[in-house]
């Protein structure tokens, strides 16, 4: 991934400085942000799956994945699937 990003940056840097370069950088930043958001959601999902598969309490999950209990709670409750008609 780093190599792809470096290639994109190199291409942008080698282009003539104009509005299209700014648009390209903006699109790159938006794409990277989306990937980061997707990865954060996946991380939360995996934390929930570990907890559920092993029947762990939040404290045990926190110890297992090396986080505080508060952070483990944030992870398992972030982007949590909701029942129809309820808020996350």
C-alpha atoms as a PDB file:
ATOM      1  CA  UNK A   1       0.000   0.000   0.000  1.00  0.00           C
ATOM      2  CA  UNK A   2       2.816   2.360   0.782  1.00  0.00           C
ATOM      3  CA  UNK A   3       4.253   1.775  -2.682  1.00  0.00           C
ATOM      4  CA  UNK A   4       0.949   2.575  -4.376  1.00  0.00           C
ATOM      5  CA  UNK A   5       0.626   5.748  -2.324  1.00  0.00           C
ATOM      6  CA  UNK A   6       4.199   6.761  -3.167  1.00  0.00           C
ATOM      7  CA  UNK A   7       3.468   6.191  -6.862  1.00  0.00           C
ATOM      8  CA  UNK A   8       0.340   8.360  -6.686  1.00  0.00           C
ATOM      9  CA  UNK A   9       2.266  11.118  -4.906  1.00  0.00           C
ATOM     10  CA  UNK A  10       5.073  10.892  -7.464  1.00  0.00           C
ATOM     11  CA  UNK A  11       2.633  11.187 -10.364  1.00  0.00           C
ATOM     12  CA  UNK A  12       0.910  14.160  -8.754  1.00  0.00           C
ATOM     13  CA  UNK A  13       4.240  15.844  -7.995  1.00  0.00           C
ATOM     14  CA  UNK A  14       5.466  15.381 -11.557  1.00  0.00           C
ATOM     15  CA  UNK A  15       2.337  16.942 -13.078  1.00  0.00           C
ATOM     16  CA  UNK A  16       2.125  20.590 -14.033  1.00  0.00           C
ATOM     17  CA  UNK A  17       0.930  22.622 -11.028  1.00  0.00           C
ATOM     18  CA  UNK A  18      -2.682  23.500 -11.723  1.00  0.00           C
ATOM     19  CA  UNK A  19      -6.192  22.942 -10.409  1.00  0.00           C
ATOM     20  CA  UNK A  20      -6.256  19.351 -11.676  1.00  0.00           C
ATOM     21  CA  UNK A  21      -3.289  18.546  -9.400  1.00  0.00           C
ATOM     22  CA  UNK A  22      -5.183  19.970  -6.422  1.00  0.00           C
ATOM     23  CA  UNK A  23      -8.264  17.921  -7.373  1.00  0.00           C
ATOM     24  CA  UNK A  24      -6.120  14.771  -7.652  1.00  0.00           C
ATOM     25  CA  UNK A  25      -4.611  15.308  -4.207  1.00  0.00           C
ATOM     26  CA  UNK A  26      -8.059  15.947  -2.744  1.00  0.00           C
ATOM     27  CA  UNK A  27      -9.370  12.726  -4.295  1.00  0.00           C
ATOM     28  CA  UNK A  28      -6.356  10.831  -2.959  1.00  0.00           C
ATOM     29  CA  UNK A  29      -6.918  12.207   0.557  1.00  0.00           C
ATOM     30  CA  UNK A  30     -10.626  11.353   0.402  1.00  0.00           C
ATOM     31  CA  UNK A  31      -9.831   7.827  -0.716  1.00  0.00           C
ATOM     32  CA  UNK A  32      -7.250   7.290   2.028  1.00  0.00           C
ATOM     33  CA  UNK A  33      -9.727   8.637   4.609  1.00  0.00           C
ATOM     34  CA  UNK A  34     -12.397   6.197   3.353  1.00  0.00           C
ATOM     35  CA  UNK A  35      -9.947   3.300   3.609  1.00  0.00           C
ATOM     36  CA  UNK A  36      -9.104   4.340   7.161  1.00  0.00           C
ATOM     37  CA  UNK A  37     -12.786   4.512   8.110  1.00  0.00           C
ATOM     38  CA  UNK A  38     -13.398   1.088   6.567  1.00  0.00           C
ATOM     39  CA  UNK A  39     -10.435  -0.365   8.475  1.00  0.00           C
ATOM     40  CA  UNK A  40     -11.692   1.113  11.751  1.00  0.00           C
ATOM     41  CA  UNK A  41     -15.101  -0.482  11.192  1.00  0.00           C
ATOM     42  CA  UNK A  42     -13.442  -3.817  10.390  1.00  0.00           C
ATOM     43  CA  UNK A  43     -11.315  -3.564  13.547  1.00  0.00           C
ATOM     44  CA  UNK A  44     -14.460  -3.068  15.635  1.00  0.00           C
ATOM     45  CA  UNK A  45     -16.140  -5.997  13.930  1.00  0.00           C
ATOM     46  CA  UNK A  46     -13.166  -8.274  14.590  1.00  0.00           C
ATOM     47  CA  UNK A  47     -13.058  -7.227  18.261  1.00  0.00           C
ATOM     48  CA  UNK A  48     -16.756  -8.142  18.593  1.00  0.00           C
ATOM     49  CA  UNK A  49     -16.183 -11.454  16.827  1.00  0.00           C
ATOM     50  CA  UNK A  50     -13.285 -12.322  19.163  1.00  0.00           C
ATOM     51  CA  UNK A  51     -15.395 -11.447  22.197  1.00  0.00           C
ATOM     52  CA  UNK A  52     -18.408 -13.416  20.984  1.00  0.00           C
ATOM     53  CA  UNK A  53     -16.478 -16.454  19.720  1.00  0.00           C
ATOM     54  CA  UNK A  54     -14.583 -16.825  22.975  1.00  0.00           C
ATOM     55  CA  UNK A  55     -17.352 -15.691  25.306  1.00  0.00           C
ATOM     56  CA  UNK A  56     -15.142 -12.975  26.779  1.00  0.00           C
ATOM     57  CA  UNK A  57     -16.150 -10.207  29.123  1.00  0.00           C
ATOM     58  CA  UNK A  58     -15.049  -6.704  28.131  1.00  0.00           C
ATOM     59  CA  UNK A  59     -12.224  -6.879  30.664  1.00  0.00           C
ATOM     60  CA  UNK A  60     -11.049 -10.223  29.269  1.00  0.00           C
ATOM     61  CA  UNK A  61     -11.306  -8.948  25.701  1.00  0.00           C
ATOM     62  CA  UNK A  62      -9.295  -5.878  26.653  1.00  0.00           C
ATOM     63  CA  UNK A  63      -6.546  -8.054  28.160  1.00  0.00           C
ATOM     64  CA  UNK A  64      -6.644 -10.386  25.169  1.00  0.00           C
ATOM     65  CA  UNK A  65      -6.187  -7.652  22.541  1.00  0.00           C
ATOM     66  CA  UNK A  66      -3.998  -5.367  24.638  1.00  0.00           C
ATOM     67  CA  UNK A  67      -6.331  -2.417  25.202  1.00  0.00           C
ATOM     68  CA  UNK A  68      -7.982  -0.775  28.165  1.00  0.00           C
ATOM     69  CA  UNK A  69     -11.458  -1.943  29.115  1.00  0.00           C
ATOM     70  CA  UNK A  70     -12.857   1.461  28.126  1.00  0.00           C
ATOM     71  CA  UNK A  71     -11.248   1.261  24.675  1.00  0.00           C
ATOM     72  CA  UNK A  72     -12.461  -2.318  24.187  1.00  0.00           C
ATOM     73  CA  UNK A  73     -15.980  -1.123  25.046  1.00  0.00           C
ATOM     74  CA  UNK A  74     -15.684   1.671  22.461  1.00  0.00           C
ATOM     75  CA  UNK A  75     -14.522  -0.817  19.843  1.00  0.00           C
ATOM     76  CA  UNK A  76     -17.253  -3.395  20.341  1.00  0.00           C
ATOM     77  CA  UNK A  77     -19.954  -0.735  20.392  1.00  0.00           C
ATOM     78  CA  UNK A  78     -18.661   1.338  17.456  1.00  0.00           C
ATOM     79  CA  UNK A  79     -20.435   0.707  14.145  1.00  0.00           C
ATOM     80  CA  UNK A  80     -22.466  -1.936  15.919  1.00  0.00           C
ATOM     81  CA  UNK A  81     -25.226  -3.410  13.798  1.00  0.00           C
ATOM     82  CA  UNK A  82     -28.575  -2.236  15.110  1.00  0.00           C
ATOM     83  CA  UNK A  83     -32.027  -3.731  15.077  1.00  0.00           C
ATOM     84  CA  UNK A  84     -34.396  -2.101  12.638  1.00  0.00           C
ATOM     85  CA  UNK A  85     -35.727   1.180  13.980  1.00  0.00           C
ATOM     86  CA  UNK A  86     -33.073   1.668  16.667  1.00  0.00           C
ATOM     87  CA  UNK A  87     -30.110   4.001  16.877  1.00  0.00           C
ATOM     88  CA  UNK A  88     -26.527   2.664  17.108  1.00  0.00           C
END
